[in-house]
Amino acid sequence: MRKKLIYCLGAILATALFSVAATAQQRTITGNLTPTVEAGGWLIVDQNEKFLVLNSNKFSGEAWFKTGMRVTATGEIKRDVMTIYQEGTPFEAATLVPAQNSTSTRRLTLVTVSGDARISVQPDTATVTISVVTQNPSAVEAQQSNAARTTAVLSAVKSAAGTGAEIKTSGYSLIPQRVYKQNEPPTITGYEARNSVTVTMNDLTRVGPVIDAASRAGANNIEGVSFSLREDREARGRALAESTRAAMAKANILAQTLGGRIVRIVSVNEGGTTPRPVIYAQQDSFARAAVETPIEPGNLDITAFVQLTAEIEMPS
């Protein structure tokens, strides 16, 4: 008899503990219905807390189910459920009805606007690609001649570029030159050796002198000059701020025109472009410069683009 009593008490305790655990996540909430960016999703916004109704389609057919309606729901918090945007706490409603004495007549609408901005900045980095090209019937002669001239070019470039410049080999090739005749196999008539050096410098006033020094030392191909911005965070931030202000100004104009006000920003998407370097293609005057080569860096354009969706409360 005593064992049977102990067993019954244990069963009752276990049932009670299970019941507490099962209802630990049960909750009753009251708030306003608001559409969300989740596909077909709805939120119940309770002051500063948001609940994403996982089974809103169960109630969406009701006549009172609309934006701004104040409702009361009972159900279960589903913290283990993952949603695409995680905009609110996942909530599965067992009941969802209009709140007692609900007089909500809020009309909400969503508008999507965009803003863009362009910032012009001075470049702070120059890159010059210089090549020495030699040709000879003998591969060894072409290679050795190229090595001697490239050594002289490197010495001249280092002196002209000054301290802080980065000089590195960016390409090397030894290519046979072939003559093609109809119905005959190609014939190798010589070899072309090419050694390319890239010079990156922060002192933009030295670009012309570097080109001239390289040409005088034996470089016979200047592949191009480009100007870029090494650190663009500050300029990109200014462009992003301006594009955001432009988008918000549009949203405010729409809200005022419609006689409403912006309640919240639902989503923001940001885009932009990395500033393209200003590139000067090869010019014949580079290779045979008799006077100092003039170089003008110009400006770089940094752009930013923002698209935002705002929720507007309309007059009743």
C-alpha atoms as a PDB file:
ATOM      1  CA  MET A   1       0.000   0.000   0.000  1.00  0.00           C
ATOM      2  CA  ARG A   2       2.819   2.388   0.910  1.00  0.00           C
ATOM      3  CA  LYS A   3       4.697   1.642  -2.316  1.00  0.00           C
ATOM      4  CA  LYS A   4       1.540   2.217  -4.318  1.00  0.00           C
ATOM      5  CA  LEU A   5       1.028   5.626  -2.657  1.00  0.00           C
ATOM      6  CA  ILE A   6       4.603   6.670  -3.394  1.00  0.00           C
ATOM      7  CA  TYR A   7       4.178   5.618  -7.019  1.00  0.00           C
ATOM      8  CA  CYS A   8       0.981   7.657  -7.384  1.00  0.00           C
ATOM      9  CA  LEU A   9       2.572  10.767  -5.868  1.00  0.00           C
ATOM     10  CA  GLY A  10       5.526  10.420  -8.251  1.00  0.00           C
ATOM     11  CA  ALA A  11       3.215  10.155 -11.233  1.00  0.00           C
ATOM     12  CA  ILE A  12       1.277  13.235 -10.167  1.00  0.00           C
ATOM     13  CA  LEU A  13       4.512  15.217  -9.685  1.00  0.00           C
ATOM     14  CA  ALA A  14       5.837  14.158 -13.074  1.00  0.00           C
ATOM     15  CA  THR A  15       2.578  15.174 -14.740  1.00  0.00           C
ATOM     16  CA  ALA A  16       2.688  18.564 -13.048  1.00  0.00           C
ATOM     17  CA  LEU A  17       6.296  19.165 -14.099  1.00  0.00           C
ATOM     18  CA  PHE A  18       5.475  18.193 -17.679  1.00  0.00           C
ATOM     19  CA  SER A  19       2.472  20.525 -17.668  1.00  0.00           C
ATOM     20  CA  VAL A  20       4.627  23.446 -16.433  1.00  0.00           C
ATOM     21  CA  ALA A  21       7.261  22.759 -19.094  1.00  0.00           C
ATOM     22  CA  ALA A  22       4.649  22.492 -21.802  1.00  0.00           C
ATOM     23  CA  THR A  23       3.087  25.840 -20.924  1.00  0.00           C
ATOM     24  CA  ALA A  24       6.350  27.673 -20.126  1.00  0.00           C
ATOM     25  CA  GLN A  25       6.331  29.333 -23.543  1.00  0.00           C
ATOM     26  CA  GLN A  26       2.589  30.101 -23.626  1.00  0.00           C
ATOM     27  CA  ARG A  27       1.836  33.801 -23.797  1.00  0.00           C
ATOM     28  CA  THR A  28      -0.978  36.265 -24.345  1.00  0.00           C
ATOM     29  CA  ILE A  29      -0.045  39.402 -26.260  1.00  0.00           C
ATOM     30  CA  THR A  30      -1.896  42.501 -27.383  1.00  0.00           C
ATOM     31  CA  GLY A  31      -0.682  44.752 -30.156  1.00  0.00           C
ATOM     32  CA  ASN A  32      -1.228  46.103 -33.649  1.00  0.00           C
ATOM     33  CA  LEU A  33      -1.154  44.020 -36.812  1.00  0.00           C
ATOM     34  CA  THR A  34       1.623  45.084 -39.171  1.00  0.00           C
ATOM     35  CA  PRO A  35       2.785  43.462 -42.442  1.00  0.00           C
ATOM     36  CA  THR A  36       6.409  42.405 -42.542  1.00  0.00           C
ATOM     37  CA  VAL A  37       9.031  41.759 -45.196  1.00  0.00           C
ATOM     38  CA  GLU A  38       8.648  38.019 -44.619  1.00  0.00           C
ATOM     39  CA  ALA A  39       6.712  36.520 -47.525  1.00  0.00           C
ATOM     40  CA  GLY A  40       3.050  36.773 -46.516  1.00  0.00           C
ATOM     41  CA  GLY A  41       4.090  37.431 -42.930  1.00  0.00           C
ATOM     42  CA  TRP A  42       2.423  39.548 -40.250  1.00  0.00           C
ATOM     43  CA  LEU A  43       3.681  41.037 -37.018  1.00  0.00           C
ATOM     44  CA  ILE A  44       1.911  41.820 -33.786  1.00  0.00           C
ATOM     45  CA  VAL A  45       3.703  44.908 -32.499  1.00  0.00           C
ATOM     46  CA  ASP A  46       3.361  45.283 -28.734  1.00  0.00           C
ATOM     47  CA  GLN A  47       5.024  48.575 -27.777  1.00  0.00           C
ATOM     48  CA  ASN A  48       8.739  47.884 -28.412  1.00  0.00           C
ATOM     49  CA  GLU A  49       8.337  44.121 -28.885  1.00  0.00           C
ATOM     50  CA  LYS A  50       7.520  42.379 -32.157  1.00  0.00           C
ATOM     51  CA  PHE A  51       6.036  38.923 -32.638  1.00  0.00           C
ATOM     52  CA  LEU A  52       6.071  37.204 -36.017  1.00  0.00           C
ATOM     53  CA  VAL A  53       2.829  35.237 -36.428  1.00  0.00           C
ATOM     54  CA  LEU A  54       3.882  31.953 -38.022  1.00  0.00           C
ATOM     55  CA  ASN A  55       0.333  30.853 -38.865  1.00  0.00           C
ATOM     56  CA  SER A  56      -1.184  34.200 -39.894  1.00  0.00           C
ATOM     57  CA  ASN A  57      -2.901  32.546 -42.875  1.00  0.00           C
ATOM     58  CA  LYS A  58      -5.189  30.840 -40.346  1.00  0.00           C
ATOM     59  CA  PHE A  59      -6.728  34.220 -39.485  1.00  0.00           C
ATOM     60  CA  SER A  60      -6.033  36.417 -42.531  1.00  0.00           C
ATOM     61  CA  GLY A  61      -9.438  35.669 -44.045  1.00  0.00           C
ATOM     62  CA  GLU A  62     -11.248  37.486 -41.234  1.00  0.00           C
ATOM     63  CA  ALA A  63     -12.785  40.847 -42.156  1.00  0.00           C
ATOM     64  CA  TRP A  64     -11.096  42.566 -39.228  1.00  0.00           C
ATOM     65  CA  PHE A  65      -7.654  41.207 -40.143  1.00  0.00           C
ATOM     66  CA  LYS A  66      -5.946  44.306 -41.563  1.00  0.00           C
ATOM     67  CA  THR A  67      -3.043  46.660 -41.024  1.00  0.00           C
ATOM     68  CA  GLY A  68      -3.227  48.646 -37.797  1.00  0.00           C
ATOM     69  CA  MET A  69      -5.942  46.521 -36.155  1.00  0.00           C
ATOM     70  CA  ARG A  70      -5.332  46.031 -32.449  1.00  0.00           C
ATOM     71  CA  VAL A  71      -5.619  42.342 -31.586  1.00  0.00           C
ATOM     72  CA  THR A  72      -5.151  39.959 -28.696  1.00  0.00           C
ATOM     73  CA  ALA A  73      -3.514  36.585 -29.297  1.00  0.00           C
ATOM     74  CA  THR A  74      -2.724  33.565 -27.177  1.00  0.00           C
ATOM     75  CA  GLY A  75      -0.203  31.046 -28.306  1.00  0.00           C
ATOM     76  CA  GLU A  76       3.283  29.667 -28.011  1.00  0.00           C
ATOM     77  CA  ILE A  77       6.675  31.263 -28.464  1.00  0.00           C
ATOM     78  CA  LYS A  78       8.754  29.251 -30.961  1.00  0.00           C
ATOM     79  CA  ARG A  79      12.310  30.364 -30.314  1.00  0.00           C
ATOM     80  CA  ASP A  80      13.744  27.378 -32.164  1.00  0.00           C
ATOM     81  CA  VAL A  81      12.068  28.428 -35.444  1.00  0.00           C
ATOM     82  CA  MET A  82      14.337  30.199 -37.942  1.00  0.00           C
ATOM     83  CA  THR A  83      12.834  32.699 -40.394  1.00  0.00           C
ATOM     84  CA  ILE A  84      14.404  34.504 -43.340  1.00  0.00           C
ATOM     85  CA  TYR A  85      14.694  37.987 -41.852  1.00  0.00           C
ATOM     86  CA  GLN A  86      14.225  37.249 -38.128  1.00  0.00           C
ATOM     87  CA  GLU A  87      12.238  40.471 -37.811  1.00  0.00           C
ATOM     88  CA  GLY A  88      10.252  39.379 -34.768  1.00  0.00           C
ATOM     89  CA  THR A  89      10.001  36.650 -32.143  1.00  0.00           C
ATOM     90  CA  PRO A  90       8.402  33.592 -33.814  1.00  0.00           C
ATOM     91  CA  PHE A  91       4.902  33.079 -32.369  1.00  0.00           C
ATOM     92  CA  GLU A  92       2.290  30.437 -33.196  1.00  0.00           C
ATOM     93  CA  ALA A  93      -1.175  31.735 -32.319  1.00  0.00           C
ATOM     94  CA  ALA A  94      -3.806  29.423 -30.955  1.00  0.00           C
ATOM     95  CA  THR A  95      -6.361  32.266 -30.878  1.00  0.00           C
ATOM     96  CA  LEU A  96      -6.253  35.698 -32.463  1.00  0.00           C
ATOM     97  CA  VAL A  97      -9.166  38.129 -32.095  1.00  0.00           C
ATOM     98  CA  PRO A  98      -9.723  41.898 -32.134  1.00  0.00           C
ATOM     99  CA  ALA A  99      -8.756  43.454 -28.828  1.00  0.00           C
ATOM    100  CA  GLN A 100     -11.641  44.469 -26.585  1.00  0.00           C
ATOM    101  CA  ASN A 101     -12.745  48.078 -27.141  1.00  0.00           C
ATOM    102  CA  SER A 102     -10.466  48.244 -30.196  1.00  0.00           C
ATOM    103  CA  THR A 103     -10.982  51.521 -31.954  1.00  0.00           C
ATOM    104  CA  SER A 104      -7.872  51.419 -34.085  1.00  0.00           C
ATOM    105  CA  THR A 105      -8.373  53.137 -37.380  1.00  0.00           C
ATOM    106  CA  ARG A 106      -4.694  53.407 -38.303  1.00  0.00           C
ATOM    107  CA  ARG A 107      -4.067  53.052 -42.007  1.00  0.00           C
ATOM    108  CA  LEU A 108      -0.525  52.051 -42.889  1.00  0.00           C
ATOM    109  CA  THR A 109       1.079  51.880 -46.281  1.00  0.00           C
ATOM    110  CA  LEU A 110       4.571  51.048 -47.486  1.00  0.00           C
ATOM    111  CA  VAL A 111       6.617  53.157 -49.887  1.00  0.00           C
ATOM    112  CA  THR A 112       9.969  52.270 -51.427  1.00  0.00           C
ATOM    113  CA  VAL A 113      12.325  55.066 -52.409  1.00  0.00           C
ATOM    114  CA  SER A 114      15.959  55.345 -53.441  1.00  0.00           C
ATOM    115  CA  GLY A 115      18.725  57.884 -53.151  1.00  0.00           C
ATOM    116  CA  ASP A 116      22.139  58.179 -54.747  1.00  0.00           C
ATOM    117  CA  ALA A 117      25.166  60.406 -54.326  1.00  0.00           C
ATOM    118  CA  ARG A 118      28.465  61.023 -56.077  1.00  0.00           C
ATOM    119  CA  ILE A 119      31.608  62.249 -54.332  1.00  0.00           C
ATOM    120  CA  SER A 120      34.604  63.544 -56.302  1.00  0.00           C
ATOM    121  CA  VAL A 121      37.965  63.095 -54.619  1.00  0.00           C
ATOM    122  CA  GLN A 122      41.592  63.589 -55.494  1.00  0.00           C
ATOM    123  CA  PRO A 123      43.516  60.327 -56.047  1.00  0.00           C
ATOM    124  CA  ASP A 124      46.445  59.616 -53.756  1.00  0.00           C
ATOM    125  CA  THR A 125      48.148  56.738 -55.592  1.00  0.00           C
ATOM    126  CA  ALA A 126      49.639  56.406 -59.067  1.00  0.00           C
ATOM    127  CA  THR A 127      50.570  53.190 -60.850  1.00  0.00           C
ATOM    128  CA  VAL A 128      52.805  53.062 -63.924  1.00  0.00           C
ATOM    129  CA  THR A 129      53.542  49.888 -65.883  1.00  0.00           C
ATOM    130  CA  ILE A 130      56.804  49.992 -67.848  1.00  0.00           C
ATOM    131  CA  SER A 131      58.154  47.345 -70.199  1.00  0.00           C
ATOM    132  CA  VAL A 132      61.435  46.623 -71.906  1.00  0.00           C
ATOM    133  CA  VAL A 133      61.006  44.724 -75.166  1.00  0.00           C
ATOM    134  CA  THR A 134      63.983  43.291 -77.092  1.00  0.00           C
ATOM    135  CA  GLN A 135      64.145  41.179 -80.249  1.00  0.00           C
ATOM    136  CA  ASN A 136      66.937  39.010 -81.623  1.00  0.00           C
ATOM    137  CA  PRO A 137      67.319  35.984 -83.892  1.00  0.00           C
ATOM    138  CA  SER A 138      68.888  34.215 -80.903  1.00  0.00           C
ATOM    139  CA  ALA A 139      66.786  33.535 -77.801  1.00  0.00           C
ATOM    140  CA  VAL A 140      69.829  33.937 -75.563  1.00  0.00           C
ATOM    141  CA  GLU A 141      70.789  37.265 -77.144  1.00  0.00           C
ATOM    142  CA  ALA A 142      67.230  38.585 -76.825  1.00  0.00           C
ATOM    143  CA  GLN A 143      67.132  37.535 -73.189  1.00  0.00           C
ATOM    144  CA  GLN A 144      70.557  38.938 -72.263  1.00  0.00           C
ATOM    145  CA  SER A 145      69.941  42.215 -74.053  1.00  0.00           C
ATOM    146  CA  ASN A 146      66.640  42.566 -72.239  1.00  0.00           C
ATOM    147  CA  ALA A 147      68.231  41.827 -68.862  1.00  0.00           C
ATOM    148  CA  ALA A 148      70.863  44.540 -69.336  1.00  0.00           C
ATOM    149  CA  ARG A 149      68.362  47.184 -70.395  1.00  0.00           C
ATOM    150  CA  THR A 150      65.890  46.240 -67.657  1.00  0.00           C
ATOM    151  CA  THR A 151      68.610  46.592 -65.020  1.00  0.00           C
ATOM    152  CA  ALA A 152      69.322  50.117 -66.261  1.00  0.00           C
ATOM    153  CA  VAL A 153      65.596  50.955 -66.301  1.00  0.00           C
ATOM    154  CA  LEU A 154      65.108  49.704 -62.730  1.00  0.00           C
ATOM    155  CA  SER A 155      67.996  51.809 -61.495  1.00  0.00           C
ATOM    156  CA  ALA A 156      66.667  54.930 -63.210  1.00  0.00           C
ATOM    157  CA  VAL A 157      63.087  54.340 -62.016  1.00  0.00           C
ATOM    158  CA  LYS A 158      64.138  53.801 -58.393  1.00  0.00           C
ATOM    159  CA  SER A 159      66.008  57.075 -58.435  1.00  0.00           C
ATOM    160  CA  ALA A 160      63.154  59.006 -60.068  1.00  0.00           C
ATOM    161  CA  ALA A 161      60.359  57.457 -57.931  1.00  0.00           C
ATOM    162  CA  GLY A 162      62.018  58.299 -54.624  1.00  0.00           C
ATOM    163  CA  THR A 163      61.555  56.627 -51.262  1.00  0.00           C
ATOM    164  CA  GLY A 164      58.260  54.965 -50.471  1.00  0.00           C
ATOM    165  CA  ALA A 165      57.601  53.800 -54.031  1.00  0.00           C
ATOM    166  CA  GLU A 166      56.817  50.132 -54.622  1.00  0.00           C
ATOM    167  CA  ILE A 167      58.586  48.626 -57.634  1.00  0.00           C
ATOM    168  CA  LYS A 168      57.991  45.033 -58.670  1.00  0.00           C
ATOM    169  CA  THR A 169      58.162  42.802 -61.717  1.00  0.00           C
ATOM    170  CA  SER A 170      54.651  42.267 -63.055  1.00  0.00           C
ATOM    171  CA  GLY A 171      55.386  40.101 -66.077  1.00  0.00           C
ATOM    172  CA  TYR A 172      58.086  38.379 -68.088  1.00  0.00           C
ATOM    173  CA  SER A 173      57.953  36.491 -71.393  1.00  0.00           C
ATOM    174  CA  LEU A 174      60.245  35.097 -74.092  1.00  0.00           C
ATOM    175  CA  ILE A 175      58.206  34.412 -77.222  1.00  0.00           C
ATOM    176  CA  PRO A 176      59.370  33.025 -80.564  1.00  0.00           C
ATOM    177  CA  GLN A 177      58.472  35.093 -83.618  1.00  0.00           C
ATOM    178  CA  ARG A 178      57.038  32.926 -86.370  1.00  0.00           C
ATOM    179  CA  VAL A 179      56.464  33.424 -90.069  1.00  0.00           C
ATOM    180  CA  TYR A 180      53.517  31.571 -91.569  1.00  0.00           C
ATOM    181  CA  LYS A 181      53.359  30.538 -95.237  1.00  0.00           C
ATOM    182  CA  GLN A 182      50.598  28.707 -96.984  1.00  0.00           C
ATOM    183  CA  ASN A 183      50.967  24.917 -96.973  1.00  0.00           C
ATOM    184  CA  GLU A 184      54.211  25.177 -94.983  1.00  0.00           C
ATOM    185  CA  PRO A 185      54.956  24.742 -91.280  1.00  0.00           C
ATOM    186  CA  PRO A 186      55.656  27.996 -89.402  1.00  0.00           C
ATOM    187  CA  THR A 187      59.270  29.150 -89.283  1.00  0.00           C
ATOM    188  CA  ILE A 188      60.850  30.779 -86.219  1.00  0.00           C
ATOM    189  CA  THR A 189      62.725  33.879 -87.325  1.00  0.00           C
ATOM    190  CA  GLY A 190      63.642  35.293 -83.938  1.00  0.00           C
ATOM    191  CA  TYR A 191      62.642  35.834 -80.333  1.00  0.00           C
ATOM    192  CA  GLU A 192      61.035  38.639 -78.382  1.00  0.00           C
ATOM    193  CA  ALA A 193      61.793  39.123 -74.684  1.00  0.00           C
ATOM    194  CA  ARG A 194      59.499  41.325 -72.580  1.00  0.00           C
ATOM    195  CA  ASN A 195      60.076  42.355 -68.960  1.00  0.00           C
ATOM    196  CA  SER A 196      57.337  44.458 -67.329  1.00  0.00           C
ATOM    197  CA  VAL A 197      57.764  46.472 -64.128  1.00  0.00           C
ATOM    198  CA  THR A 198      54.952  48.083 -62.131  1.00  0.00           C
ATOM    199  CA  VAL A 199      55.710  51.216 -60.127  1.00  0.00           C
ATOM    200  CA  THR A 200      53.251  52.325 -57.423  1.00  0.00           C
ATOM    201  CA  MET A 201      53.859  55.687 -55.769  1.00  0.00           C
ATOM    202  CA  ASN A 202      52.114  58.129 -53.471  1.00  0.00           C
ATOM    203  CA  ASP A 203      53.906  61.236 -54.801  1.00  0.00           C
ATOM    204  CA  LEU A 204      51.890  61.989 -57.920  1.00  0.00           C
ATOM    205  CA  THR A 205      54.309  64.710 -59.019  1.00  0.00           C
ATOM    206  CA  ARG A 206      56.878  62.021 -59.786  1.00  0.00           C
ATOM    207  CA  VAL A 207      54.812  60.188 -62.407  1.00  0.00           C
ATOM    208  CA  GLY A 208      56.141  62.222 -65.351  1.00  0.00           C
ATOM    209  CA  PRO A 209      59.785  62.049 -64.196  1.00  0.00           C
ATOM    210  CA  VAL A 210      59.501  58.259 -63.730  1.00  0.00           C
ATOM    211  CA  ILE A 211      58.208  57.825 -67.282  1.00  0.00           C
ATOM    212  CA  ASP A 212      60.949  60.036 -68.689  1.00  0.00           C
ATOM    213  CA  ALA A 213      63.700  58.322 -66.685  1.00  0.00           C
ATOM    214  CA  ALA A 214      62.507  54.882 -67.768  1.00  0.00           C
ATOM    215  CA  SER A 215      62.379  55.910 -71.439  1.00  0.00           C
ATOM    216  CA  ARG A 216      65.889  57.396 -71.354  1.00  0.00           C
ATOM    217  CA  ALA A 217      67.234  54.238 -69.666  1.00  0.00           C
ATOM    218  CA  GLY A 218      65.896  51.905 -72.339  1.00  0.00           C
ATOM    219  CA  ALA A 219      62.202  51.242 -71.676  1.00  0.00           C
ATOM    220  CA  ASN A 220      60.365  51.190 -74.981  1.00  0.00           C
ATOM    221  CA  ASN A 221      56.799  50.430 -73.889  1.00  0.00           C
ATOM    222  CA  ILE A 222      54.795  52.379 -71.296  1.00  0.00           C
ATOM    223  CA  GLU A 223      51.666  50.271 -70.962  1.00  0.00           C
ATOM    224  CA  GLY A 224      49.660  52.880 -69.082  1.00  0.00           C
ATOM    225  CA  VAL A 225      49.216  55.104 -66.053  1.00  0.00           C
ATOM    226  CA  SER A 226      46.377  54.855 -63.544  1.00  0.00           C
ATOM    227  CA  PHE A 227      45.378  56.894 -60.496  1.00  0.00           C
ATOM    228  CA  SER A 228      43.445  55.472 -57.570  1.00  0.00           C
ATOM    229  CA  LEU A 229      42.487  56.075 -53.949  1.00  0.00           C
ATOM    230  CA  ARG A 230      44.296  53.872 -51.445  1.00  0.00           C
ATOM    231  CA  GLU A 231      41.983  54.709 -48.527  1.00  0.00           C
ATOM    232  CA  ASP A 232      38.382  55.368 -49.597  1.00  0.00           C
ATOM    233  CA  ARG A 233      36.499  54.662 -46.342  1.00  0.00           C
ATOM    234  CA  GLU A 234      35.932  58.302 -45.418  1.00  0.00           C
ATOM    235  CA  ALA A 235      34.812  59.312 -48.919  1.00  0.00           C
ATOM    236  CA  ARG A 236      32.585  56.250 -49.247  1.00  0.00           C
ATOM    237  CA  GLY A 237      31.009  57.067 -45.868  1.00  0.00           C
ATOM    238  CA  ARG A 238      30.188  60.595 -47.040  1.00  0.00           C
ATOM    239  CA  ALA A 239      28.632  59.270 -50.238  1.00  0.00           C
ATOM    240  CA  LEU A 240      26.568  56.737 -48.270  1.00  0.00           C
ATOM    241  CA  ALA A 241      25.361  59.407 -45.824  1.00  0.00           C
ATOM    242  CA  GLU A 242      24.314  61.721 -48.669  1.00  0.00           C
ATOM    243  CA  SER A 243      22.453  58.965 -50.526  1.00  0.00           C
ATOM    244  CA  THR A 244      20.634  57.971 -47.313  1.00  0.00           C
ATOM    245  CA  ARG A 245      19.588  61.579 -46.682  1.00  0.00           C
ATOM    246  CA  ALA A 246      18.351  61.806 -50.273  1.00  0.00           C
ATOM    247  CA  ALA A 247      16.229  58.664 -49.865  1.00  0.00           C
ATOM    248  CA  MET A 248      14.791  59.864 -46.537  1.00  0.00           C
ATOM    249  CA  ALA A 249      13.947  63.247 -48.082  1.00  0.00           C
ATOM    250  CA  LYS A 250      11.935  61.489 -50.801  1.00  0.00           C
ATOM    251  CA  ALA A 251      10.119  59.349 -48.223  1.00  0.00           C
ATOM    252  CA  ASN A 252       9.234  62.432 -46.156  1.00  0.00           C
ATOM    253  CA  ILE A 253       7.951  64.261 -49.223  1.00  0.00           C
ATOM    254  CA  LEU A 254       5.704  61.307 -50.099  1.00  0.00           C
ATOM    255  CA  ALA A 255       4.418  61.081 -46.515  1.00  0.00           C
ATOM    256  CA  GLN A 256       3.660  64.811 -46.351  1.00  0.00           C
ATOM    257  CA  THR A 257       2.013  64.790 -49.757  1.00  0.00           C
ATOM    258  CA  LEU A 258      -0.233  61.933 -48.669  1.00  0.00           C
ATOM    259  CA  GLY A 259      -1.041  63.747 -45.432  1.00  0.00           C
ATOM    260  CA  GLY A 260       0.649  61.140 -43.241  1.00  0.00           C
ATOM    261  CA  ARG A 261       3.872  60.558 -41.380  1.00  0.00           C
ATOM    262  CA  ILE A 262       6.683  58.026 -41.394  1.00  0.00           C
ATOM    263  CA  VAL A 263       6.174  55.460 -38.628  1.00  0.00           C
ATOM    264  CA  ARG A 264       9.293  53.359 -39.160  1.00  0.00           C
ATOM    265  CA  ILE A 265      11.869  52.230 -41.708  1.00  0.00           C
ATOM    266  CA  VAL A 266      11.100  48.649 -42.685  1.00  0.00           C
ATOM    267  CA  SER A 267      14.233  47.816 -44.673  1.00  0.00           C
ATOM    268  CA  VAL A 268      17.361  49.432 -46.092  1.00  0.00           C
ATOM    269  CA  ASN A 269      19.542  48.138 -48.932  1.00  0.00           C
ATOM    270  CA  GLU A 270      22.872  49.749 -49.714  1.00  0.00           C
ATOM    271  CA  GLY A 271      24.944  49.576 -52.851  1.00  0.00           C
ATOM    272  CA  GLY A 272      27.859  51.437 -54.377  1.00  0.00           C
ATOM    273  CA  THR A 273      30.755  51.286 -56.757  1.00  0.00           C
ATOM    274  CA  THR A 274      34.435  51.085 -56.080  1.00  0.00           C
ATOM    275  CA  PRO A 275      36.072  54.177 -57.534  1.00  0.00           C
ATOM    276  CA  ARG A 276      37.430  53.316 -60.923  1.00  0.00           C
ATOM    277  CA  PRO A 277      41.029  54.351 -61.423  1.00  0.00           C
ATOM    278  CA  VAL A 278      41.650  57.120 -63.918  1.00  0.00           C
ATOM    279  CA  ILE A 279      43.623  55.392 -66.659  1.00  0.00           C
ATOM    280  CA  TYR A 280      45.781  56.986 -69.292  1.00  0.00           C
ATOM    281  CA  ALA A 281      46.523  54.615 -72.135  1.00  0.00           C
ATOM    282  CA  GLN A 282      49.948  54.294 -73.731  1.00  0.00           C
ATOM    283  CA  GLN A 283      51.037  57.240 -75.861  1.00  0.00           C
ATOM    284  CA  ASP A 284      53.911  57.345 -78.324  1.00  0.00           C
ATOM    285  CA  SER A 285      55.288  60.430 -76.600  1.00  0.00           C
ATOM    286  CA  PHE A 286      55.914  58.345 -73.484  1.00  0.00           C
ATOM    287  CA  ALA A 287      58.433  56.156 -75.244  1.00  0.00           C
ATOM    288  CA  ARG A 288      60.333  58.893 -76.998  1.00  0.00           C
ATOM    289  CA  ALA A 289      59.909  61.805 -74.613  1.00  0.00           C
ATOM    290  CA  ALA A 290      62.313  64.604 -75.379  1.00  0.00           C
ATOM    291  CA  VAL A 291      60.864  66.898 -72.727  1.00  0.00           C
ATOM    292  CA  GLU A 292      59.250  66.213 -69.373  1.00  0.00           C
ATOM    293  CA  THR A 293      56.023  64.283 -69.773  1.00  0.00           C
ATOM    294  CA  PRO A 294      53.029  66.201 -68.330  1.00  0.00           C
ATOM    295  CA  ILE A 295      50.596  64.101 -66.271  1.00  0.00           C
ATOM    296  CA  GLU A 296      47.308  65.384 -64.775  1.00  0.00           C
ATOM    297  CA  PRO A 297      45.712  63.030 -62.199  1.00  0.00           C
ATOM    298  CA  GLY A 298      42.173  64.437 -62.384  1.00  0.00           C
ATOM    299  CA  ASN A 299      39.410  63.353 -59.966  1.00  0.00           C
ATOM    300  CA  LEU A 300      37.902  60.028 -58.926  1.00  0.00           C
ATOM    301  CA  ASP A 301      34.152  59.567 -58.521  1.00  0.00           C
ATOM    302  CA  ILE A 302      32.814  57.472 -55.636  1.00  0.00           C
ATOM    303  CA  THR A 303      29.100  56.683 -55.813  1.00  0.00           C
ATOM    304  CA  ALA A 304      26.655  55.217 -53.301  1.00  0.00           C
ATOM    305  CA  PHE A 305      23.090  54.018 -53.706  1.00  0.00           C
ATOM    306  CA  VAL A 306      20.487  53.399 -50.975  1.00  0.00           C
ATOM    307  CA  GLN A 307      17.021  51.908 -51.331  1.00  0.00           C
ATOM    308  CA  LEU A 308      14.721  51.956 -48.318  1.00  0.00           C
ATOM    309  CA  THR A 309      11.160  50.961 -47.551  1.00  0.00           C
ATOM    310  CA  ALA A 310       9.263  53.186 -45.114  1.00  0.00           C
ATOM    311  CA  GLU A 311       5.970  52.591 -43.361  1.00  0.00           C
ATOM    312  CA  ILE A 312       3.640  55.590 -43.512  1.00  0.00           C
ATOM    313  CA  GLU A 313       0.671  56.126 -41.227  1.00  0.00           C
ATOM    314  CA  MET A 314      -2.161  57.590 -43.252  1.00  0.00           C
ATOM    315  CA  PRO A 315      -4.943  59.828 -41.918  1.00  0.00           C
ATOM    316  CA  SER A 316      -8.138  57.982 -41.053  1.00  0.00           C
END
